Amino acid sequence: MEIRTVDAGRGAGWLGDGFDYFKRAAGAWIAIIVVMFVVYVALTFIPIIGSLAGQLLGPVFSAGILLGCRRMDEGGELELGHLFKGFSTGTGPLILLGALYLAALIALGIFLVILAFFLIGGVGTLTQLFHGDANALLQNLPMLLVVILLGMGLYVPVVMAMWFAPALIALGGLSVQDAVSASFTGCLRNLVPFLIWGVVVLVLGLVAIIPLGLGLLVLMPMIWASTYVAYKEIFVPAAP
């Protein structure tokens, strides 16, 4: 598979194309977002297992939606059922991908807690912070900012490795290891377009939450569809 570098302007262009996908099947997109929201809310009522299931199934749902995008690209119709298509297309690898993402988050969280322990000054200070002690917060604010910024910096490579992985597994037929590697490389080679994409998404997100969050019913489909468009442009099957 060839991994291409695209023009910086495509970062915004992907979202524009994503909006076109939304307009073509607005009803189906809104139904998908609402049902997914209901599923994740329902999972929160199952202690521990529900949260774990939500993390593990995330790539499965994403793969199904991306399969729906491909269906639209081929001239077909997006349907609510596409949300669950990932359960019939490489479910095992997709769940494994979710497990890897969860493991990365846990490892990152443990590292940051240990780092905070040494930078801030032990269990006593951490306990004060967890209990909302304003004085402890002000005294340790610089170190807390260091931990937060470092955590954000370390989280970015995780996102890069996972962003296109569901598409590469479900649409590209790659193994989990190859999908994670290719996703990271694809994002690395297109940092500027993705930076522009992220800024535009941030601005649109601020606008989307103003009308009681209803704008997310449009923005979320745009994000998924733009991911599909970016996948098509960046990852091109090698010529036989």
Foldseek 3Di string as FASTA:
>chain_A
DFFDADDLVVLVVLLVVLLVVCVVAVPQLLLLVVVVVVQLVVLVVPPPVSVLVCLLCVLLQLLLVLVLLVCVVVVHHRHSCSSRVSVVFCSVQSSVLSVVLVVLVVVLVVVLVVQCCVQLPHDVLVVCVVVPPPVSCVVCVVVVVVSVVVSVVVVVLSCQLNLCLSCCVRVVVDGSVVSSVSSNVNCVSHVSSNVVNVVVLVVQQVVCPPVVNNNCSSSVSSVSSSSSVSCPVGDDDDDD
